[in-house]
Amino acid sequence: MNNFDKFNKYKEKLSKRENKKYDYIVSFPHIGNYYIPIYNLLNHLVDKEKVKVMIPKKITSSTIVKGASVSPDFACLPFKYNMGNFIESLESGANVLIQAGGGCRYGYYYQVQEQILKDMGYNFSFIPLVDEKGVDIFNVYKKFKILNKKLSFKSFCYFFLLTFYMIYLLDEFETYMRHNYTYQLGEDKYSKIHDELLREMFNINSFKEIKRFKRKYNKFIKDVPLRADINNDIKIGIVGELFTSMEPNSSFFLEKELNNFNCKIKRYTTATYLLFQKNLVKKKVIKKAGKYIKYHLGADGPETIAHTLELINEGYDGIIHIKPFGCSPEINAMPILQKISLENNIPIMYLTFDEQTTITGIKTRIEAFYDMLKMRKDMSIDETTKAFPNKEETNMLLEDKVKLQTQS
């Protein structure tokens, strides 16, 4: 055993000794940087003398291995990642697990997750915030009263609203930096600002503090000088399933890889969109994609179609569709995307992730996709059409090939 392993073992012993002081140790699944507002919320709602909030370990290859080993094969990737998170938290001493649910069949998975973990011998309580009936704010409040008998409904609402505002600001800042990352002049300042922003977010306790936080980082971000010449940059839109969009490890840090090629990136799916905007624009989304769909495809399927059409109208060079293996709504959307790709002469790359996916394969496909978009961009309009022919041109080329073969 090397010194690093000894140190980690010593840390685990200290942590377990500290955990004995508390009646409840609460943990939750990891998803992107949203774990910070969630941790902040829980830390304000629980009785700190009796309850400890445990930050879940960041997702790694070990997380998916643990989750996949106990999950049904047919279950989607987010199910397996969450199972891995739960197992790691339970192994570290957690005895209360919180699950937020989801907008597809994932919303019904918490019963299965609870049963699997209890069959494995873990002793814990499970708190689903969203059940098959949706979100009942009074029911959620009652569940948190178990963790803090002194918690008032007023404080409960205050910190939930504060958390929603934190999520909104986090999405606003990250979206701006994502859109403009490739346009920075000089060294990469956004990454440093982003790290500082996340560290400070842990310590926000009131709306007064978050307003100060907003002013400070709004200035920092907007003060980063950007270059004016942006017309020749490759623009890539990302559409698809929510978990693989928002948890970078599940997509092998796709956005970071695209940044390495100096691509402008646009991604619609954020927690702000899902929490506050999605239900308000459902009918508009169906109408926008009306040429291709008449009814809801489930989960984020309609948004995938509508956002793809928006990206085409905004002049994006290519689109990457991402989903976990077995995601039915996104599988339903794929034939429609193929039709849109042919009709609009725009390349769409499809990436599906599961526990067998390797980063080498993903990097190779991203590099090939970028090279193809770059060649199209550098060609004249006529040559571009030939580089990525539509359906009619493909048929003509095939007919010419057959004639040549017949003549020879």
Protein backbone atom coordinates (compact mmCIF):
# COMPACT_ATOMS: atom_id res chain seq x y z
CA MET A 1 0.00 0.00 0.00
CA ASN A 2 1.48 3.37 -1.05
CA ASN A 3 1.35 6.61 0.98
CA PHE A 4 -1.60 7.97 -1.01
CA ASP A 5 -3.73 4.88 -0.23
CA LYS A 6 -2.73 5.07 3.45
CA PHE A 7 -3.75 8.72 3.58
CA ASN A 8 -7.16 7.95 2.00
CA LYS A 9 -7.73 5.11 4.45
CA TYR A 10 -6.85 7.42 7.35
CA LYS A 11 -9.29 10.04 6.02
CA GLU A 12 -12.05 7.41 5.82
CA LYS A 13 -11.45 6.39 9.45
CA LEU A 14 -11.63 10.03 10.59
CA SER A 15 -14.82 10.56 8.58
CA LYS A 16 -16.52 7.46 10.05
CA ARG A 17 -15.54 8.58 13.57
CA GLU A 18 -17.03 12.03 12.89
CA ASN A 19 -20.21 10.50 11.41
CA LYS A 20 -21.01 8.83 14.74
CA LYS A 21 -21.83 12.27 16.18
CA TYR A 22 -24.89 12.59 13.93
CA ASP A 23 -28.30 10.91 13.90
CA TYR A 24 -28.69 11.40 10.14
CA ILE A 25 -26.15 11.71 7.32
CA VAL A 26 -27.84 12.95 4.16
CA SER A 27 -26.56 12.54 0.60
CA PHE A 28 -27.88 12.87 -2.96
CA PRO A 29 -26.86 12.03 -6.57
CA HIS A 30 -24.26 14.12 -8.38
CA ILE A 31 -25.16 16.05 -11.53
CA GLY A 32 -22.87 18.68 -13.00
CA ASN A 33 -22.20 21.70 -10.76
CA TYR A 34 -25.75 21.67 -9.43
CA TYR A 35 -24.53 19.72 -6.42
CA ILE A 36 -23.39 23.07 -4.94
CA PRO A 37 -26.85 24.77 -4.79
CA ILE A 38 -28.36 21.46 -3.61
CA TYR A 39 -25.75 21.08 -0.85
CA ASN A 40 -26.30 24.72 0.14
CA LEU A 41 -30.07 24.15 0.35
CA LEU A 42 -29.83 21.00 2.46
CA ASN A 43 -27.28 22.60 4.76
CA HIS A 44 -29.75 25.40 5.54
CA LEU A 45 -32.77 23.12 6.04
CA VAL A 46 -31.38 20.45 8.37
CA ASP A 47 -30.60 20.59 12.09
CA LYS A 48 -26.79 20.87 11.93
CA GLU A 49 -26.31 19.47 15.42
CA LYS A 50 -28.01 16.19 14.53
CA VAL A 51 -27.71 16.03 10.75
CA LYS A 52 -24.69 16.12 8.42
CA VAL A 53 -25.02 16.81 4.70
CA MET A 54 -22.55 14.73 2.69
CA ILE A 55 -21.45 16.02 -0.71
CA PRO A 56 -21.59 13.09 -3.15
CA LYS A 57 -18.31 12.03 -4.72
CA LYS A 58 -17.73 13.37 -8.21
CA ILE A 59 -18.66 10.88 -10.90
CA THR A 60 -15.78 8.73 -12.13
CA SER A 61 -15.37 5.45 -14.02
CA SER A 62 -15.57 3.72 -10.63
CA THR A 63 -19.06 5.21 -10.07
CA ILE A 64 -20.52 3.70 -13.23
CA VAL A 65 -18.84 0.33 -12.59
CA LYS A 66 -20.45 0.13 -9.13
CA GLY A 67 -23.84 1.30 -10.41
CA ALA A 68 -23.95 -0.92 -13.50
CA SER A 69 -22.97 -4.04 -11.55
CA VAL A 70 -26.23 -3.94 -9.53
CA SER A 71 -28.59 -2.33 -12.08
CA PRO A 72 -30.92 -4.04 -14.57
CA ASP A 73 -29.40 -4.17 -18.07
CA PHE A 74 -32.42 -2.39 -19.58
CA ALA A 75 -32.14 0.59 -17.20
CA CYS A 76 -30.79 3.82 -18.69
CA LEU A 77 -27.36 5.25 -17.91
CA PRO A 78 -28.57 7.95 -15.43
CA PHE A 79 -30.12 5.15 -13.33
CA LYS A 80 -26.73 3.42 -13.17
CA TYR A 81 -24.80 6.61 -12.39
CA ASN A 82 -27.20 7.45 -9.57
CA MET A 83 -26.93 3.91 -8.20
CA GLY A 84 -23.14 4.29 -8.19
CA ASN A 85 -23.47 7.62 -6.35
CA PHE A 86 -25.82 6.09 -3.77
CA ILE A 87 -23.51 3.12 -3.14
CA GLU A 88 -20.48 5.42 -2.69
CA SER A 89 -22.43 7.62 -0.26
CA LEU A 90 -23.74 4.64 1.73
CA GLU A 91 -20.22 3.19 1.92
CA SER A 92 -19.08 6.55 3.35
CA GLY A 93 -21.72 6.45 6.09
CA ALA A 94 -24.87 8.08 4.64
CA ASN A 95 -28.18 6.83 6.05
CA VAL A 96 -30.60 9.19 4.26
CA LEU A 97 -30.70 9.41 0.45
CA ILE A 98 -32.54 12.09 -1.51
CA GLN A 99 -33.74 11.53 -5.08
CA ALA A 100 -35.20 14.30 -7.24
CA GLY A 101 -36.91 12.09 -9.85
CA GLY A 102 -37.28 12.96 -13.53
CA GLY A 103 -39.60 13.76 -16.43
CA CYS A 104 -39.50 10.34 -18.16
CA ARG A 105 -39.63 6.76 -16.86
CA TYR A 106 -36.74 7.77 -14.59
CA GLY A 107 -39.39 9.41 -12.39
CA TYR A 108 -40.62 5.91 -11.48
CA TYR A 109 -37.18 4.45 -10.81
CA TYR A 110 -36.73 5.47 -7.18
CA GLN A 111 -38.76 2.50 -5.90
CA VAL A 112 -36.50 0.13 -7.84
CA GLN A 113 -33.34 1.89 -6.62
CA GLU A 114 -34.50 1.73 -3.00
CA GLN A 115 -35.35 -1.98 -3.26
CA ILE A 116 -32.02 -2.91 -4.89
CA LEU A 117 -30.01 -1.05 -2.23
CA LYS A 118 -32.00 -2.58 0.64
CA ASP A 119 -31.59 -6.05 -0.90
CA MET A 120 -27.83 -5.37 -0.83
CA GLY A 121 -28.10 -4.98 2.94
CA TYR A 122 -27.89 -1.19 3.31
CA ASN A 123 -29.96 0.38 6.11
CA PHE A 124 -31.18 3.85 5.14
CA SER A 125 -34.20 6.11 4.57
CA PHE A 126 -35.14 7.24 1.07
CA ILE A 127 -36.69 10.67 0.38
CA PRO A 128 -38.04 11.17 -3.17
CA LEU A 129 -38.78 14.86 -3.85
CA VAL A 130 -40.79 14.02 -6.97
CA ASP A 131 -43.15 11.05 -7.10
CA GLU A 132 -45.59 9.78 -9.74
CA LYS A 133 -47.99 12.63 -8.84
CA GLY A 134 -45.35 15.31 -9.32
CA VAL A 135 -44.05 17.78 -6.71
CA ASP A 136 -46.17 18.48 -3.61
CA ILE A 137 -44.43 21.32 -1.77
CA PHE A 138 -46.25 20.62 1.53
CA ASN A 139 -45.35 16.94 1.34
CA VAL A 140 -41.68 17.81 0.70
CA TYR A 141 -41.78 20.18 3.70
CA LYS A 142 -43.10 17.39 5.94
CA LYS A 143 -40.22 15.15 4.83
CA PHE A 144 -37.65 17.79 5.74
CA LYS A 145 -39.28 18.31 9.13
CA ILE A 146 -37.94 14.85 10.02
CA LEU A 147 -34.42 16.25 9.57
CA ASN A 148 -35.15 19.49 11.45
CA LYS A 149 -38.11 19.66 13.84
CA LYS A 150 -37.60 23.44 14.25
CA LEU A 151 -37.83 24.13 10.51
CA SER A 152 -40.55 26.69 9.76
CA PHE A 153 -42.46 26.71 6.48
CA LYS A 154 -41.28 30.30 5.94
CA SER A 155 -37.59 29.31 6.21
CA PHE A 156 -38.23 26.27 4.02
CA CYS A 157 -39.69 28.45 1.24
CA TYR A 158 -37.00 31.13 1.64
CA PHE A 159 -34.09 28.74 1.12
CA PHE A 160 -35.83 26.91 -1.72
CA LEU A 161 -36.28 30.24 -3.52
CA LEU A 162 -32.66 31.16 -2.78
CA THR A 163 -31.55 27.83 -4.27
CA PHE A 164 -33.63 28.37 -7.41
CA TYR A 165 -31.99 31.77 -7.84
CA MET A 166 -28.53 30.23 -7.35
CA ILE A 167 -29.31 27.65 -10.05
CA TYR A 168 -30.54 30.41 -12.36
CA LEU A 169 -27.33 32.45 -11.89
CA LEU A 170 -25.12 29.39 -12.29
CA ASP A 171 -26.81 28.57 -15.61
CA GLU A 172 -26.65 32.20 -16.75
CA PHE A 173 -22.92 32.50 -16.07
CA GLU A 174 -22.02 29.07 -17.47
CA THR A 175 -24.11 29.62 -20.62
CA TYR A 176 -22.38 32.95 -21.32
CA MET A 177 -18.92 31.43 -20.80
CA ARG A 178 -19.82 28.38 -22.91
CA HIS A 179 -20.93 30.59 -25.82
CA ASN A 180 -17.86 32.84 -25.66
CA TYR A 181 -15.08 30.51 -24.49
CA THR A 182 -13.44 30.31 -27.91
CA TYR A 183 -13.56 34.12 -28.39
CA GLN A 184 -11.34 35.01 -25.41
CA LEU A 185 -8.30 37.14 -26.20
CA GLY A 186 -5.08 35.87 -24.66
CA GLU A 187 -5.06 33.26 -21.88
CA ASP A 188 -8.11 31.34 -20.68
CA LYS A 189 -9.61 33.53 -17.94
CA TYR A 190 -13.07 31.93 -17.88
CA SER A 191 -11.84 28.69 -16.29
CA LYS A 192 -10.24 30.56 -13.39
CA ILE A 193 -13.34 32.74 -12.89
CA HIS A 194 -15.54 29.64 -13.05
CA ASP A 195 -13.55 27.84 -10.33
CA GLU A 196 -13.66 30.91 -8.05
CA LEU A 197 -17.39 31.31 -8.69
CA LEU A 198 -18.13 27.71 -7.67
CA ARG A 199 -16.05 27.97 -4.48
CA GLU A 200 -17.82 31.16 -3.40
CA MET A 201 -21.26 29.71 -4.14
CA PHE A 202 -20.86 27.25 -1.24
CA ASN A 203 -21.02 30.15 1.24
CA ILE A 204 -24.12 32.04 0.06
CA ASN A 205 -26.64 32.42 2.91
CA SER A 206 -29.09 35.12 1.81
CA PHE A 207 -30.53 37.08 -1.11
CA LYS A 208 -28.40 40.05 -0.08
CA GLU A 209 -25.25 37.96 -0.48
CA ILE A 210 -26.34 36.45 -3.78
CA LYS A 211 -27.05 39.90 -5.26
CA ARG A 212 -23.52 40.94 -4.32
CA PHE A 213 -22.25 37.67 -5.80
CA LYS A 214 -24.14 38.37 -9.05
CA ARG A 215 -22.73 41.90 -9.43
CA LYS A 216 -19.18 40.72 -8.71
CA TYR A 217 -19.05 37.82 -11.17
CA ASN A 218 -21.14 39.55 -13.81
CA LYS A 219 -18.42 42.20 -13.93
CA PHE A 220 -15.58 39.65 -13.90
CA ILE A 221 -17.08 37.67 -16.78
CA LYS A 222 -18.10 40.63 -18.93
CA ASP A 223 -14.69 42.30 -18.43
CA VAL A 224 -12.91 39.43 -20.24
CA PRO A 225 -11.93 40.85 -23.67
CA LEU A 226 -13.35 38.99 -26.68
CA ARG A 227 -12.14 39.10 -30.26
CA ALA A 228 -14.42 40.65 -32.87
CA ASP A 229 -13.65 38.34 -35.83
CA ILE A 230 -15.91 35.33 -35.20
CA ASN A 231 -17.32 34.56 -38.65
CA ASN A 232 -14.87 31.76 -39.48
CA ASP A 233 -15.31 29.81 -36.24
CA ILE A 234 -17.04 26.44 -36.29
CA LYS A 235 -20.40 26.57 -34.50
CA ILE A 236 -21.75 23.34 -33.02
CA GLY A 237 -25.09 22.86 -31.25
CA ILE A 238 -25.70 20.12 -28.67
CA VAL A 239 -29.15 18.57 -28.33
CA GLY A 240 -30.47 15.47 -26.58
CA GLU A 241 -31.15 13.90 -23.21
CA LEU A 242 -30.90 16.02 -20.05
CA PHE A 243 -28.51 13.98 -17.84
CA THR A 244 -25.82 13.48 -20.51
CA SER A 245 -26.20 17.17 -21.40
CA MET A 246 -25.72 18.45 -17.83
CA GLU A 247 -23.31 15.91 -16.28
CA PRO A 248 -19.97 16.35 -18.11
CA ASN A 249 -18.49 13.02 -17.02
CA SER A 250 -21.37 11.05 -18.56
CA SER A 251 -20.55 12.54 -22.00
CA PHE A 252 -16.76 12.28 -21.47
CA PHE A 253 -16.46 16.06 -21.17
CA LEU A 254 -17.78 16.63 -24.68
CA GLU A 255 -17.93 20.43 -24.34
CA LYS A 256 -14.34 20.59 -23.10
CA GLU A 257 -13.21 18.54 -26.09
CA LEU A 258 -15.03 20.90 -28.47
CA ASN A 259 -13.43 23.88 -26.72
CA ASN A 260 -10.02 22.37 -27.51
CA PHE A 261 -10.93 22.80 -31.20
CA ASN A 262 -12.05 26.41 -30.57
CA CYS A 263 -15.67 25.68 -31.45
CA LYS A 264 -18.55 27.91 -30.43
CA ILE A 265 -20.98 25.73 -28.47
CA LYS A 266 -24.68 26.14 -27.81
CA ARG A 267 -26.59 23.85 -25.44
CA TYR A 268 -30.21 24.48 -24.50
CA THR A 269 -30.71 21.96 -21.69
CA THR A 270 -30.05 23.42 -18.23
CA ALA A 271 -31.70 23.03 -14.83
CA THR A 272 -33.24 26.51 -15.28
CA TYR A 273 -34.87 25.42 -18.54
CA LEU A 274 -36.18 22.19 -17.03
CA LEU A 275 -37.48 23.77 -13.80
CA PHE A 276 -38.95 27.05 -15.03
CA GLN A 277 -39.31 27.17 -18.81
CA LYS A 278 -40.04 23.71 -20.20
CA ASN A 279 -43.68 23.43 -19.07
CA LEU A 280 -44.42 27.00 -20.22
CA VAL A 281 -43.24 26.40 -23.79
CA LYS A 282 -44.55 22.86 -24.41
CA LYS A 283 -47.17 23.95 -26.95
CA LYS A 284 -44.73 26.32 -28.67
CA VAL A 285 -42.19 23.51 -28.98
CA ILE A 286 -44.73 21.18 -30.63
CA LYS A 287 -45.79 24.02 -32.95
CA LYS A 288 -42.17 24.86 -33.86
CA ALA A 289 -41.52 21.22 -34.76
CA GLY A 290 -45.00 20.81 -36.27
CA LYS A 291 -43.71 19.81 -39.69
CA TYR A 292 -42.21 16.67 -38.15
CA ILE A 293 -44.24 15.87 -35.00
CA LYS A 294 -47.88 16.28 -33.97
CA TYR A 295 -47.70 14.81 -30.48
CA HIS A 296 -45.30 14.78 -27.54
CA LEU A 297 -42.51 12.20 -27.90
CA GLY A 298 -41.91 12.07 -24.14
CA ALA A 299 -39.21 13.64 -21.95
CA ASP A 300 -36.94 15.88 -24.11
CA GLY A 301 -37.85 14.37 -27.51
CA PRO A 302 -39.85 17.36 -28.87
CA GLU A 303 -37.24 19.82 -27.60
CA THR A 304 -34.54 17.89 -29.46
CA ILE A 305 -36.45 18.38 -32.75
CA ALA A 306 -37.38 22.04 -32.12
CA HIS A 307 -33.90 23.04 -30.93
CA THR A 308 -32.27 21.35 -33.93
CA LEU A 309 -34.44 23.46 -36.26
CA GLU A 310 -33.52 26.60 -34.29
CA LEU A 311 -29.80 25.82 -34.60
CA ILE A 312 -30.18 25.38 -38.36
CA ASN A 313 -31.96 28.75 -38.63
CA GLU A 314 -29.17 30.37 -36.59
CA GLY A 315 -26.56 29.13 -39.09
CA TYR A 316 -24.82 26.48 -37.02
CA ASP A 317 -22.35 24.31 -38.94
CA GLY A 318 -23.16 21.00 -37.27
CA ILE A 319 -25.18 19.39 -34.49
CA ILE A 320 -24.29 16.68 -31.98
CA HIS A 321 -27.14 14.59 -30.59
CA ILE A 322 -26.31 12.88 -27.28
CA LYS A 323 -28.23 10.31 -25.26
CA PRO A 324 -27.70 7.45 -22.84
CA PHE A 325 -28.18 3.91 -24.14
CA GLY A 326 -31.84 2.87 -23.99
CA CYS A 327 -33.36 6.38 -23.84
CA SER A 328 -36.70 5.82 -25.65
CA PRO A 329 -37.71 9.47 -26.28
CA GLU A 330 -34.36 10.27 -27.90
CA ILE A 331 -34.44 7.04 -29.94
CA ASN A 332 -37.85 8.19 -31.25
CA ALA A 333 -36.34 11.56 -32.19
CA MET A 334 -33.40 10.12 -34.17
CA PRO A 335 -35.23 9.13 -37.43
CA ILE A 336 -36.74 12.64 -37.51
CA LEU A 337 -33.29 14.19 -37.03
CA GLN A 338 -31.97 12.09 -39.93
CA LYS A 339 -34.75 13.46 -42.14
CA ILE A 340 -34.00 17.04 -41.01
CA SER A 341 -30.30 16.45 -41.73
CA LEU A 342 -31.02 15.38 -45.32
CA GLU A 343 -33.56 18.12 -46.02
CA ASN A 344 -31.39 20.91 -44.64
CA ASN A 345 -28.00 19.58 -45.74
CA ILE A 346 -26.57 19.79 -42.21
CA PRO A 347 -24.35 17.15 -40.56
CA ILE A 348 -25.66 15.60 -37.34
CA MET A 349 -23.47 13.28 -35.29
CA TYR A 350 -25.15 10.80 -32.90
CA LEU A 351 -23.36 9.85 -29.68
CA THR A 352 -24.78 7.16 -27.39
CA PHE A 353 -23.21 6.57 -23.99
CA ASP A 354 -23.20 3.52 -21.75
CA GLU A 355 -20.81 1.79 -19.34
CA GLN A 356 -18.92 0.26 -22.30
CA THR A 357 -18.21 3.59 -24.04
CA THR A 358 -14.54 4.64 -24.14
CA ILE A 359 -13.12 8.15 -24.22
CA THR A 360 -10.76 7.23 -27.09
CA GLY A 361 -13.67 6.37 -29.38
CA ILE A 362 -15.51 9.58 -28.48
CA LYS A 363 -12.42 11.76 -29.06
CA THR A 364 -11.80 10.14 -32.45
CA ARG A 365 -15.38 10.78 -33.59
CA ILE A 366 -15.33 14.39 -32.35
CA GLU A 367 -12.06 15.08 -34.18
CA ALA A 368 -13.37 13.53 -37.43
CA PHE A 369 -16.64 15.50 -37.11
CA TYR A 370 -14.75 18.76 -36.56
CA ASP A 371 -12.42 18.11 -39.53
CA MET A 372 -15.42 17.48 -41.79
CA LEU A 373 -17.16 20.70 -40.64
CA LYS A 374 -13.94 22.67 -41.12
CA MET A 375 -13.54 21.38 -44.68
CA ARG A 376 -17.16 22.30 -45.46
CA LYS A 377 -16.62 25.76 -44.03
CA ASP A 378 -13.49 26.33 -46.10
CA MET A 379 -15.10 25.25 -49.38
CA SER A 380 -17.20 27.33 -51.72
CA ILE A 381 -21.01 26.90 -51.61
CA ASP A 382 -21.04 24.58 -54.64
CA GLU A 383 -18.22 22.42 -53.32
CA THR A 384 -19.85 22.31 -49.88
CA THR A 385 -23.01 20.83 -51.37
CA LYS A 386 -20.93 18.14 -53.05
CA ALA A 387 -19.07 17.45 -49.81
CA PHE A 388 -22.33 16.66 -48.03
CA PRO A 389 -24.89 15.72 -50.72
CA ASN A 390 -28.61 15.68 -50.09
CA LYS A 391 -30.83 12.67 -50.86
CA GLU A 392 -31.44 13.52 -54.55
CA GLU A 393 -27.74 14.13 -55.21
CA THR A 394 -26.84 10.87 -53.46
CA ASN A 395 -29.19 8.94 -55.77
CA MET A 396 -27.70 10.64 -58.85
CA LEU A 397 -24.17 9.78 -57.73
CA LEU A 398 -25.17 6.16 -57.17
CA GLU A 399 -26.78 5.96 -60.65
CA ASP A 400 -23.62 7.38 -62.25
CA LYS A 401 -21.50 4.84 -60.34
CA VAL A 402 -23.70 1.95 -61.56
CA LYS A 403 -23.45 3.21 -65.18
CA LEU A 404 -19.67 3.37 -64.99
CA GLN A 405 -19.49 -0.13 -63.54
CA THR A 406 -21.82 -1.43 -66.32
CA GLN A 407 -19.72 0.22 -69.06
CA SER A 408 -16.52 -1.26 -67.70
